[in-house]
Amino acid sequence: MTDTIQFPKKPGIIVSDADQRRLTTLATTALDRAPEVAEELLNEMERAEVVPAQSVPPTTVQMGSTVLYKADDGRERRVSLVFPGQADIAEGKISILTPIGTALIGLSEGQSISWMTRDGHRRSMTVVKVEGTIDTLPPTDDTDPGPAAA
């Protein structure tokens, strides 16, 4: 008899049609450099409810969103979700091409999700508040993940 570990079902997510196109392209180009996170981002884009940008609720995490979330250690953290070339952890800007970035995209306030860290640990978080968006432009060329991916 084999024991299997059951993880909670992932919550439904919403992404804009523009984010879905850009992130699918970005993940596809990142498959060689960061296969695990790129595959996870592709999976998230595949399962997402895709809507026009103007139909994404303001309480839903999108590219450029500043998010307050509660981690499984009980601490609250505030981060902004950005493209790889804009990431700066000291400024709280996390790349979509990180496990936590991929976990956050499309979540709405009150939703929880678990994800696997790069070192193999399962973590979870709950979105407390989506506080708005910062200016984030996708890379000039949708196939260029930015200098941080190099």
Protein backbone atom coordinates (compact mmCIF):
# COMPACT_ATOMS: atom_id res chain seq x y z
CA MET A 1 0.00 0.00 0.00
CA THR A 2 1.36 3.38 -1.00
CA ASP A 3 0.61 6.53 0.94
CA THR A 4 -0.01 9.60 -1.15
CA ILE A 5 0.10 13.13 0.11
CA GLN A 6 -3.01 15.09 -0.76
CA PHE A 7 -2.72 18.85 -1.14
CA PRO A 8 -5.68 21.20 -1.13
CA LYS A 9 -7.25 21.92 -4.48
CA LYS A 10 -5.99 25.16 -6.00
CA PRO A 11 -8.44 28.06 -5.89
CA GLY A 12 -9.93 29.49 -9.06
CA ILE A 13 -7.92 32.35 -10.54
CA ILE A 14 -8.70 35.22 -12.91
CA VAL A 15 -6.22 36.82 -15.33
CA SER A 16 -6.61 39.41 -18.04
CA ASP A 17 -6.33 38.35 -21.65
CA ALA A 18 -3.27 40.60 -22.03
CA ASP A 19 -1.50 39.13 -18.97
CA GLN A 20 -2.36 35.61 -20.12
CA ARG A 21 -0.74 36.19 -23.53
CA ARG A 22 2.38 37.87 -22.12
CA LEU A 23 2.86 35.36 -19.31
CA THR A 24 2.33 32.34 -21.56
CA THR A 25 4.99 33.70 -23.94
CA LEU A 26 7.33 34.52 -21.05
CA ALA A 27 6.93 31.05 -19.50
CA THR A 28 7.47 29.33 -22.84
CA THR A 29 10.73 31.20 -23.41
CA ALA A 30 11.88 30.44 -19.84
CA LEU A 31 11.40 26.65 -20.10
CA ASP A 32 15.11 26.02 -20.74
CA ARG A 33 16.38 28.28 -17.94
CA ALA A 34 13.81 27.69 -15.20
CA PRO A 35 11.74 24.67 -16.21
CA GLU A 36 9.91 24.05 -12.92
CA VAL A 37 8.59 27.58 -12.41
CA ALA A 38 7.97 28.06 -16.15
CA GLU A 39 5.88 24.88 -16.28
CA GLU A 40 3.95 25.95 -13.19
CA LEU A 41 3.23 29.36 -14.73
CA LEU A 42 2.03 27.66 -17.93
CA ASN A 43 -0.23 25.42 -15.82
CA GLU A 44 -1.63 28.46 -14.01
CA MET A 45 -2.34 30.25 -17.31
CA GLU A 46 -4.07 27.13 -18.64
CA ARG A 47 -6.40 26.80 -15.64
CA ALA A 48 -7.13 30.52 -15.28
CA GLU A 49 -10.41 32.17 -16.15
CA VAL A 50 -9.29 34.66 -18.82
CA VAL A 51 -11.26 37.91 -19.05
CA PRO A 52 -10.79 41.32 -20.71
CA ALA A 53 -8.50 43.57 -18.63
CA GLN A 54 -11.34 45.92 -17.70
CA SER A 55 -13.27 42.95 -16.26
CA VAL A 56 -10.60 41.86 -13.77
CA PRO A 57 -11.89 42.75 -10.29
CA PRO A 58 -9.70 45.28 -8.43
CA THR A 59 -9.38 42.73 -5.60
CA THR A 60 -7.57 40.27 -7.91
CA VAL A 61 -3.77 40.03 -8.20
CA GLN A 62 -2.54 41.05 -11.66
CA MET A 63 0.85 41.98 -13.04
CA GLY A 64 1.90 45.15 -11.23
CA SER A 65 -0.40 44.54 -8.26
CA THR A 66 0.83 45.40 -4.78
CA VAL A 67 -0.38 42.63 -2.49
CA LEU A 68 -0.54 42.19 1.26
CA TYR A 69 -0.50 38.48 2.10
CA LYS A 70 -0.28 36.41 5.25
CA ALA A 71 2.31 33.65 5.11
CA ASP A 72 1.97 30.29 6.82
CA ASP A 73 4.35 31.54 9.54
CA GLY A 74 1.70 34.12 10.51
CA ARG A 75 3.66 37.13 9.23
CA GLU A 76 2.17 39.60 6.79
CA ARG A 77 4.24 40.70 3.81
CA ARG A 78 3.68 43.34 1.13
CA VAL A 79 5.04 42.73 -2.37
CA SER A 80 4.51 43.94 -5.92
CA LEU A 81 4.30 41.39 -8.74
CA VAL A 82 6.52 42.34 -11.69
CA PHE A 83 8.24 41.00 -14.79
CA PRO A 84 11.72 39.47 -14.28
CA GLY A 85 13.68 42.52 -15.44
CA GLN A 86 11.89 44.70 -12.86
CA ALA A 87 12.38 42.44 -9.84
CA ASP A 88 14.11 43.97 -6.81
CA ILE A 89 13.59 42.11 -3.57
CA ALA A 90 14.90 45.09 -1.54
CA GLU A 91 12.00 47.15 -2.92
CA GLY A 92 9.50 44.31 -2.45
CA LYS A 93 9.20 43.67 -6.20
CA ILE A 94 9.01 39.95 -6.89
CA SER A 95 9.25 38.34 -10.29
CA ILE A 96 6.39 36.38 -11.79
CA LEU A 97 9.08 33.77 -12.59
CA THR A 98 9.45 32.79 -8.94
CA PRO A 99 7.38 30.16 -7.15
CA ILE A 100 5.64 32.78 -5.00
CA GLY A 101 5.03 35.07 -7.98
CA THR A 102 3.46 32.24 -9.93
CA ALA A 103 1.35 31.31 -6.90
CA LEU A 104 0.05 34.88 -6.46
CA ILE A 105 -1.08 35.64 -10.01
CA GLY A 106 -4.85 35.65 -10.37
CA LEU A 107 -5.70 35.16 -6.69
CA SER A 108 -8.36 37.33 -5.09
CA GLU A 109 -8.56 38.74 -1.58
CA GLY A 110 -9.32 36.00 0.94
CA GLN A 111 -8.04 33.15 -1.24
CA SER A 112 -5.30 30.83 -0.02
CA ILE A 113 -2.84 28.75 -2.00
CA SER A 114 0.06 26.43 -1.32
CA TRP A 115 3.14 26.11 -3.48
CA MET A 116 6.49 24.36 -3.55
CA THR A 117 9.60 26.45 -2.88
CA ARG A 118 12.74 25.99 -4.97
CA ASP A 119 14.27 23.99 -2.12
CA GLY A 120 11.33 21.58 -2.02
CA HIS A 121 9.34 22.89 0.95
CA ARG A 122 5.58 23.31 0.75
CA ARG A 123 4.42 26.78 1.82
CA SER A 124 1.06 28.49 1.89
CA MET A 125 -0.31 32.01 2.02
CA THR A 126 -3.56 33.94 2.03
CA VAL A 127 -4.13 37.16 0.10
CA VAL A 128 -5.23 39.77 2.64
CA LYS A 129 -5.53 42.81 0.36
CA VAL A 130 -4.77 43.86 -3.20
CA GLU A 131 -3.69 47.47 -2.73
CA GLY A 132 -3.49 48.67 -6.32
CA THR A 133 -0.97 48.49 -9.10
CA ILE A 134 2.44 49.93 -9.83
CA ASP A 135 3.55 50.85 -13.32
CA THR A 136 4.85 47.73 -14.97
CA LEU A 137 5.54 47.39 -18.61
CA PRO A 138 6.15 44.01 -20.13
CA PRO A 139 9.50 43.51 -21.81
CA THR A 140 9.71 45.34 -25.14
CA ASP A 141 9.82 41.98 -26.88
CA ASP A 142 7.30 39.54 -25.36
CA THR A 143 9.83 36.73 -25.85
CA ASP A 144 12.51 38.55 -23.80
CA PRO A 145 12.17 37.68 -20.09
CA GLY A 146 14.49 40.57 -19.16
CA PRO A 147 18.04 40.87 -17.87
CA ALA A 148 17.33 39.17 -14.54
CA ALA A 149 16.56 35.91 -16.36
CA ALA A 150 20.03 35.76 -17.91
